Amino acid sequence: ADTAITGLAILAYLGAGQTHADGPHAASVRRGLEFLARSQAADGNLAGNAELFARMYCHGMATLALSEAYGMTGDSGLRPYLERALGYTVRAQHPVTGGWRYQPGDDGDTSQLGWQLMSLHSAQLAGLPIPAATRAGMLRFLNSVTTGPQRGLASYRPRTSPSRTMTAEALLCRIYLGWTKADPPLMEGLRWLLETDPPDAGRPNVYYWYYGTQAMHH
């Protein structure tokens, strides 16, 4: 999962204000972005050498890193790679369910959706258009995994029990798609997350912490 880990490392630098254009770590960020560019396949995917179950995760995380770097710097040299990556993301979405999974055309799961949605949202903030049909598909998938009295909880796949990890991820997706504190389902989901103990290093769940922290922050 080299492109995913590189993408996450780049995102950590970017989050600290370090880009390939500015800052004492510019050279490191630039080398990371160059690695992602070299890893891009002809069809736009950024999975690199990842095996099946990691491929779309790798693509989503690497695309998010490219998008954030482009948004922060406006570097036109990044745009062609980002556009090709976004094109692959759009084509890989399931045409009916609106989700993503391990390879293009798979029925989706919530775990995979979050990474693809974040990369698309970041690109949109950076000025790249996202098809309306892609957005509609994401909403359609989220509706299919939603449960709870006020429809604020979420499961990994349709017709399965909700989990706090998937609820946290779905809530962040919903916020990016327009939910606010005025929406009862959002508050229902957040209250459900707050019923659990806070992060405990003795019982690590980094994936949950990642999305839970972002949902609470936003």
Protein backbone atom coordinates (compact mmCIF):
# COMPACT_ATOMS: atom_id res chain seq x y z
CA ALA A 1 0.00 0.00 0.00
CA ASP A 2 2.88 2.34 -0.79
CA THR A 3 0.82 5.03 -2.52
CA ALA A 4 -1.70 5.14 0.34
CA ILE A 5 0.97 5.48 3.02
CA THR A 6 2.78 8.11 0.95
CA GLY A 7 -0.51 9.96 0.53
CA LEU A 8 -1.20 9.92 4.28
CA ALA A 9 2.34 11.14 5.01
CA ILE A 10 1.88 14.00 2.52
CA LEU A 11 -1.45 14.88 4.13
CA ALA A 12 0.28 15.11 7.52
CA TYR A 13 2.82 17.55 6.10
CA LEU A 14 0.09 19.56 4.36
CA GLY A 15 -1.95 19.66 7.55
CA ALA A 16 1.06 21.25 9.25
CA GLY A 17 1.27 23.87 6.49
CA GLN A 18 4.21 22.25 4.72
CA THR A 19 3.81 22.05 0.93
CA HIS A 20 6.14 21.17 -1.93
CA ALA A 21 6.31 24.90 -2.69
CA ASP A 22 7.06 26.29 0.75
CA GLY A 23 8.44 25.34 4.14
CA PRO A 24 11.49 23.50 5.50
CA HIS A 25 10.05 20.14 4.40
CA ALA A 26 9.24 21.16 0.83
CA ALA A 27 11.71 18.68 -0.67
CA SER A 28 10.16 15.75 1.21
CA VAL A 29 6.64 16.70 0.13
CA ARG A 30 7.80 17.16 -3.46
CA ARG A 31 9.42 13.72 -3.53
CA GLY A 32 6.22 12.19 -2.18
CA LEU A 33 4.11 13.87 -4.85
CA GLU A 34 6.57 12.84 -7.55
CA PHE A 35 6.30 9.24 -6.36
CA LEU A 36 2.52 9.37 -6.65
CA ALA A 37 2.77 10.85 -10.14
CA ARG A 38 5.17 8.09 -11.23
CA SER A 39 2.83 5.48 -9.79
CA GLN A 40 -0.21 6.59 -11.79
CA ALA A 41 -1.45 4.06 -14.33
CA ALA A 42 -2.64 4.95 -17.82
CA ASP A 43 -6.29 4.80 -16.71
CA GLY A 44 -5.63 7.32 -13.92
CA ASN A 45 -5.60 5.00 -10.93
CA LEU A 46 -3.08 5.62 -8.15
CA ALA A 47 -3.15 2.16 -6.60
CA GLY A 48 0.47 1.46 -7.51
CA ASN A 49 1.57 -2.05 -6.57
CA ALA A 50 -1.29 -2.66 -4.11
CA GLU A 51 -3.17 -5.93 -4.11
CA LEU A 52 -6.93 -6.18 -4.67
CA PHE A 53 -8.31 -5.35 -1.23
CA ALA A 54 -6.06 -2.31 -0.85
CA ARG A 55 -6.25 -0.88 -4.37
CA MET A 56 -9.18 1.51 -4.11
CA TYR A 57 -8.12 2.62 -0.63
CA CYS A 58 -4.70 3.46 -2.03
CA HIS A 59 -6.21 5.32 -4.94
CA GLY A 60 -8.51 7.36 -2.70
CA MET A 61 -5.84 8.35 -0.19
CA ALA A 62 -3.31 9.25 -2.89
CA THR A 63 -5.92 11.25 -4.81
CA LEU A 64 -6.82 13.14 -1.64
CA ALA A 65 -3.16 14.05 -1.14
CA LEU A 66 -2.83 15.30 -4.72
CA SER A 67 -6.03 17.28 -4.39
CA GLU A 68 -5.04 18.94 -1.13
CA ALA A 69 -1.59 19.79 -2.49
CA TYR A 70 -3.13 21.29 -5.60
CA GLY A 71 -5.70 23.23 -3.57
CA MET A 72 -3.05 24.67 -1.27
CA THR A 73 -0.58 25.68 -3.97
CA GLY A 74 -2.45 25.97 -7.26
CA ASP A 75 0.49 24.18 -8.91
CA SER A 76 -0.65 23.61 -12.49
CA GLY A 77 1.83 20.75 -12.82
CA LEU A 78 -0.30 18.67 -10.44
CA ARG A 79 -3.58 19.26 -12.20
CA PRO A 80 -3.26 16.69 -15.05
CA TYR A 81 -2.45 13.90 -12.57
CA LEU A 82 -5.32 14.96 -10.33
CA GLU A 83 -7.78 15.17 -13.22
CA ARG A 84 -6.86 11.67 -14.41
CA ALA A 85 -7.20 10.32 -10.86
CA LEU A 86 -10.62 11.93 -10.42
CA GLY A 87 -11.73 10.53 -13.76
CA TYR A 88 -10.85 7.05 -12.56
CA THR A 89 -12.75 7.62 -9.32
CA VAL A 90 -15.86 8.73 -11.16
CA ARG A 91 -15.72 5.77 -13.54
CA ALA A 92 -15.17 3.30 -10.69
CA GLN A 93 -18.38 4.29 -8.88
CA HIS A 94 -21.13 1.68 -9.07
CA PRO A 95 -23.66 3.05 -11.58
CA VAL A 96 -26.71 1.95 -9.57
CA THR A 97 -25.82 1.78 -5.88
CA GLY A 98 -23.47 4.79 -6.04
CA GLY A 99 -20.72 3.24 -3.92
CA TRP A 100 -17.16 2.01 -4.32
CA ARG A 101 -15.44 -1.13 -3.14
CA TYR A 102 -12.37 -3.06 -4.25
CA GLN A 103 -12.46 -2.56 -7.99
CA PRO A 104 -14.52 -0.55 -10.50
CA GLY A 105 -18.14 -1.61 -10.65
CA ASP A 106 -18.25 -3.41 -7.29
CA ASP A 107 -21.23 -2.87 -5.01
CA GLY A 108 -20.09 -0.34 -2.46
CA ASP A 109 -19.27 -0.24 1.24
CA THR A 110 -19.17 2.72 3.61
CA SER A 111 -15.52 2.23 4.51
CA GLN A 112 -14.49 2.72 0.90
CA LEU A 113 -16.95 5.53 0.23
CA GLY A 114 -15.37 7.92 2.72
CA TRP A 115 -11.97 8.03 1.05
CA GLN A 116 -13.38 8.53 -2.43
CA LEU A 117 -15.83 11.17 -1.24
CA MET A 118 -13.12 13.11 0.62
CA SER A 119 -10.91 13.22 -2.46
CA LEU A 120 -13.81 14.40 -4.64
CA HIS A 121 -14.87 17.01 -2.09
CA SER A 122 -11.31 18.32 -1.79
CA ALA A 123 -11.02 18.59 -5.56
CA GLN A 124 -14.30 20.46 -5.75
CA LEU A 125 -13.07 22.95 -3.15
CA ALA A 126 -9.96 23.39 -5.30
CA GLY A 127 -12.10 24.34 -8.30
CA LEU A 128 -12.42 21.06 -10.20
CA PRO A 129 -15.99 20.16 -11.17
CA ILE A 130 -17.54 16.92 -9.91
CA PRO A 131 -20.43 15.43 -11.94
CA ALA A 132 -23.87 15.86 -10.43
CA ALA A 133 -24.54 12.17 -11.07
CA THR A 134 -21.52 11.25 -8.93
CA ARG A 135 -22.84 13.30 -6.03
CA ALA A 136 -26.31 11.84 -6.44
CA GLY A 137 -24.83 8.34 -6.37
CA MET A 138 -22.99 9.04 -3.13
CA LEU A 139 -26.20 10.22 -1.50
CA ARG A 140 -28.01 7.15 -2.80
CA PHE A 141 -25.43 4.85 -1.27
CA LEU A 142 -25.46 6.65 2.08
CA ASN A 143 -29.24 6.38 2.19
CA SER A 144 -28.93 2.63 1.63
CA VAL A 145 -26.75 2.12 4.74
CA THR A 146 -28.59 4.56 7.01
CA THR A 147 -30.57 3.39 10.03
CA GLY A 148 -31.66 4.62 13.47
CA PRO A 149 -34.87 6.32 14.67
CA GLN A 150 -33.85 9.56 12.93
CA ARG A 151 -31.70 7.92 10.25
CA GLY A 152 -28.45 9.15 11.77
CA LEU A 153 -26.60 5.82 12.18
CA ALA A 154 -24.82 3.88 9.46
CA SER A 155 -23.64 0.37 8.67
CA TYR A 156 -20.77 -1.05 6.62
CA ARG A 157 -23.06 -2.36 3.89
CA PRO A 158 -26.82 -2.21 3.28
CA ARG A 159 -29.07 -4.30 5.51
CA THR A 160 -26.43 -4.85 8.20
CA SER A 161 -26.23 -3.55 11.77
CA PRO A 162 -24.87 -0.04 12.37
CA SER A 163 -21.43 0.45 13.91
CA ARG A 164 -19.87 3.48 15.51
CA THR A 165 -16.92 3.38 13.10
CA MET A 166 -19.11 3.41 10.01
CA THR A 167 -21.47 5.95 11.57
CA ALA A 168 -18.53 8.31 12.18
CA GLU A 169 -17.41 7.93 8.58
CA ALA A 170 -20.91 8.39 7.20
CA LEU A 171 -21.46 11.48 9.34
CA LEU A 172 -18.36 13.14 7.94
CA CYS A 173 -19.55 12.29 4.43
CA ARG A 174 -22.96 13.77 5.22
CA ILE A 175 -21.37 16.96 6.54
CA TYR A 176 -19.39 17.34 3.32
CA LEU A 177 -22.62 16.80 1.39
CA GLY A 178 -24.48 19.49 3.31
CA TRP A 179 -25.77 18.27 6.68
CA THR A 180 -25.51 20.82 9.53
CA LYS A 181 -26.29 20.93 13.25
CA ALA A 182 -29.85 21.81 12.27
CA ASP A 183 -30.31 18.30 10.82
CA PRO A 184 -31.64 15.90 13.51
CA PRO A 185 -29.99 12.81 11.95
CA LEU A 186 -26.55 14.39 12.31
CA MET A 187 -27.10 15.12 15.97
CA GLU A 188 -28.49 11.62 16.55
CA GLY A 189 -25.34 10.08 15.11
CA LEU A 190 -23.01 12.36 17.07
CA ARG A 191 -24.83 11.63 20.32
CA TRP A 192 -24.46 7.90 19.65
CA LEU A 193 -20.70 8.34 19.20
CA LEU A 194 -20.47 10.33 22.44
CA GLU A 195 -22.02 7.44 24.37
CA THR A 196 -18.77 5.50 23.98
CA ASP A 197 -15.62 6.01 26.00
CA PRO A 198 -13.10 8.49 24.59
CA PRO A 199 -10.05 7.16 22.69
CA ASP A 200 -7.99 4.83 24.86
CA ALA A 201 -4.46 3.84 23.83
CA GLY A 202 -5.02 0.47 25.48
CA ARG A 203 -7.87 -0.29 23.07
CA PRO A 204 -6.77 1.27 19.79
CA ASN A 205 -9.21 1.80 16.95
CA VAL A 206 -7.34 4.27 14.77
CA TYR A 207 -9.81 4.07 11.89
CA TYR A 208 -12.68 5.06 14.21
CA TRP A 209 -10.61 7.80 15.82
CA TYR A 210 -9.76 9.24 12.40
CA TYR A 211 -13.35 9.65 11.27
CA GLY A 212 -14.82 10.29 14.71
CA THR A 213 -12.43 13.17 15.33
CA GLN A 214 -13.20 14.75 11.98
CA ALA A 215 -16.97 14.39 12.40
CA MET A 216 -16.80 16.00 15.85
CA HIS A 217 -14.46 18.76 14.63
CA HIS A 218 -16.66 19.76 11.71
